[in-house]
Amino acid sequence: MRSFSVLLLTSSHEGLPMVMLEALALGVAVVSSDVGAVRECQPKEELHNLLPATADSALYAQRVLNVLALPHDVQVHLAATRQSFVASKFSLARMKAQYAKHIHSLLTFEYVARRALYAVIHSFIRSFTR
């Protein structure tokens, strides 16, 4: 994949597009259908390379040709941008931090919800003992 100039991803459905992340991590440009989590995986500088899932092959071909026609210095700059985007947004350290944040919020919510339920039950019981 390192020798690719462009990855063309024409899926009609995607979850987290791993092949796209792998290509971007190598600095390869991606032209893709805008489905699933693809938009979150594409650097903002290249969102124009996302096409509707209903786009025809001529539109995909034109977008690929546009990418290939970019001047070399622009391609080099975008390759570095893609690599840093993936490294910053999808690194193991970031994923660990996000999981920790979600777990903490779930535990905090559970604690607060439990305390609120206890308060309601306690109030309800006290209303009968008066």
Protein backbone atom coordinates (compact mmCIF):
# COMPACT_ATOMS: atom_id res chain seq x y z
CA MET A 1 0.00 0.00 0.00
CA ARG A 2 2.95 2.31 0.60
CA SER A 3 3.45 2.55 -3.17
CA PHE A 4 -0.16 3.66 -3.81
CA SER A 5 -0.82 7.20 -4.93
CA VAL A 6 -4.52 7.03 -4.05
CA LEU A 7 -6.79 4.58 -2.24
CA LEU A 8 -10.28 4.44 -3.74
CA LEU A 9 -12.87 3.23 -1.24
CA THR A 10 -16.34 2.91 -2.78
CA SER A 11 -18.16 1.12 0.03
CA SER A 12 -21.87 1.57 0.47
CA HIS A 13 -21.50 0.77 4.21
CA GLU A 14 -18.53 1.21 6.55
CA GLY A 15 -17.96 1.08 10.26
CA LEU A 16 -14.48 2.24 11.16
CA PRO A 17 -12.64 1.98 7.83
CA MET A 18 -9.35 0.39 8.89
CA VAL A 19 -7.96 0.19 5.34
CA MET A 20 -8.51 3.95 5.06
CA LEU A 21 -6.67 4.60 8.32
CA GLU A 22 -3.82 2.36 7.19
CA ALA A 23 -3.54 4.27 3.90
CA LEU A 24 -3.64 7.66 5.63
CA ALA A 25 -1.02 6.51 8.15
CA LEU A 26 1.25 5.81 5.19
CA GLY A 27 0.49 9.23 3.68
CA VAL A 28 -1.66 7.84 0.87
CA ALA A 29 -4.55 10.00 -0.37
CA VAL A 30 -8.06 8.57 0.01
CA VAL A 31 -11.05 9.15 -2.24
CA SER A 32 -14.06 7.52 -0.64
CA SER A 33 -17.79 7.32 -0.36
CA ASP A 34 -19.05 9.35 2.60
CA VAL A 35 -20.59 6.55 4.66
CA GLY A 36 -20.31 5.31 8.23
CA ALA A 37 -17.35 6.75 10.13
CA VAL A 38 -15.41 7.67 6.98
CA ARG A 39 -15.88 11.43 7.54
CA GLU A 40 -14.32 11.20 11.02
CA CYS A 41 -11.32 9.42 9.51
CA GLN A 42 -10.59 11.91 6.73
CA PRO A 43 -8.41 14.97 7.46
CA LYS A 44 -10.45 18.17 7.18
CA GLU A 45 -8.18 19.44 4.39
CA GLU A 46 -9.40 16.57 2.23
CA LEU A 47 -13.10 16.29 3.04
CA HIS A 48 -13.77 17.27 -0.57
CA ASN A 49 -12.51 13.78 -1.51
CA LEU A 50 -15.57 12.23 0.13
CA LEU A 51 -18.39 11.57 -2.30
CA PRO A 52 -22.02 10.54 -1.83
CA ALA A 53 -22.48 6.77 -1.79
CA THR A 54 -24.69 7.23 -4.86
CA ALA A 55 -21.91 8.93 -6.89
CA ASP A 56 -21.19 7.38 -10.26
CA SER A 57 -17.84 6.00 -11.38
CA ALA A 58 -17.11 9.07 -13.51
CA LEU A 59 -17.19 11.32 -10.42
CA TYR A 60 -14.88 8.96 -8.52
CA ALA A 61 -12.52 8.85 -11.51
CA GLN A 62 -12.47 12.65 -11.77
CA ARG A 63 -11.70 13.01 -8.07
CA VAL A 64 -8.83 10.50 -8.34
CA LEU A 65 -7.45 12.38 -11.35
CA ASN A 66 -7.67 15.66 -9.37
CA VAL A 67 -5.60 14.12 -6.57
CA LEU A 68 -3.02 12.78 -9.02
CA ALA A 69 -2.77 16.18 -10.74
CA LEU A 70 -1.69 18.00 -7.57
CA PRO A 71 1.83 19.45 -7.68
CA HIS A 72 4.48 17.29 -6.02
CA ASP A 73 5.12 19.73 -3.17
CA VAL A 74 1.40 19.81 -2.34
CA GLN A 75 1.26 16.00 -2.39
CA VAL A 76 4.23 15.81 -0.02
CA HIS A 77 2.62 18.33 2.36
CA LEU A 78 -0.72 16.48 2.32
CA ALA A 79 1.01 13.14 2.92
CA ALA A 80 2.61 14.55 6.08
CA THR A 81 -0.74 16.01 7.14
CA ARG A 82 -2.43 12.62 6.71
CA GLN A 83 0.21 10.85 8.75
CA SER A 84 0.07 13.32 11.63
CA PHE A 85 -3.75 13.31 11.56
CA VAL A 86 -3.90 9.53 12.03
CA ALA A 87 -1.12 9.54 14.62
CA SER A 88 -2.89 12.20 16.70
CA LYS A 89 -6.50 11.06 16.37
CA PHE A 90 -6.11 7.28 16.34
CA SER A 91 -3.05 6.64 18.51
CA LEU A 92 -3.10 4.00 21.22
CA ALA A 93 -2.54 6.68 23.88
CA ARG A 94 -5.54 8.67 22.67
CA MET A 95 -7.76 5.58 22.53
CA LYS A 96 -6.74 4.65 26.09
CA ALA A 97 -7.54 8.17 27.28
CA GLN A 98 -10.94 8.12 25.53
CA TYR A 99 -11.83 4.74 27.03
CA ALA A 100 -10.82 5.97 30.49
CA LYS A 101 -12.95 9.09 30.02
CA HIS A 102 -16.00 7.04 28.97
CA ILE A 103 -15.58 4.57 31.82
CA HIS A 104 -15.23 7.42 34.31
CA SER A 105 -18.37 9.12 32.97
CA LEU A 106 -20.32 5.86 33.19
CA LEU A 107 -19.17 5.26 36.76
CA THR A 108 -19.92 8.85 37.72
CA PHE A 109 -23.38 8.63 36.17
CA GLU A 110 -24.05 5.33 37.93
CA TYR A 111 -22.97 6.81 41.28
CA VAL A 112 -25.09 9.94 40.85
CA ALA A 113 -28.10 7.93 39.64
CA ARG A 114 -27.79 5.52 42.58
CA ARG A 115 -27.57 8.40 45.07
CA ALA A 116 -30.63 10.07 43.53
CA LEU A 117 -32.58 6.79 43.67
CA TYR A 118 -31.64 6.30 47.33
CA ALA A 119 -32.80 9.84 48.10
CA VAL A 120 -36.16 9.23 46.42
CA ILE A 121 -36.64 5.90 48.20
CA HIS A 122 -35.61 7.41 51.54
CA SER A 123 -38.04 10.30 51.05
CA PHE A 124 -40.80 7.90 50.06
CA ILE A 125 -40.24 5.73 53.15
CA ARG A 126 -40.10 8.76 55.43
CA SER A 127 -43.44 9.99 54.07
CA PHE A 128 -45.06 6.82 55.45
CA THR A 129 -43.41 7.00 58.86
CA ARG A 130 -44.65 10.46 59.74
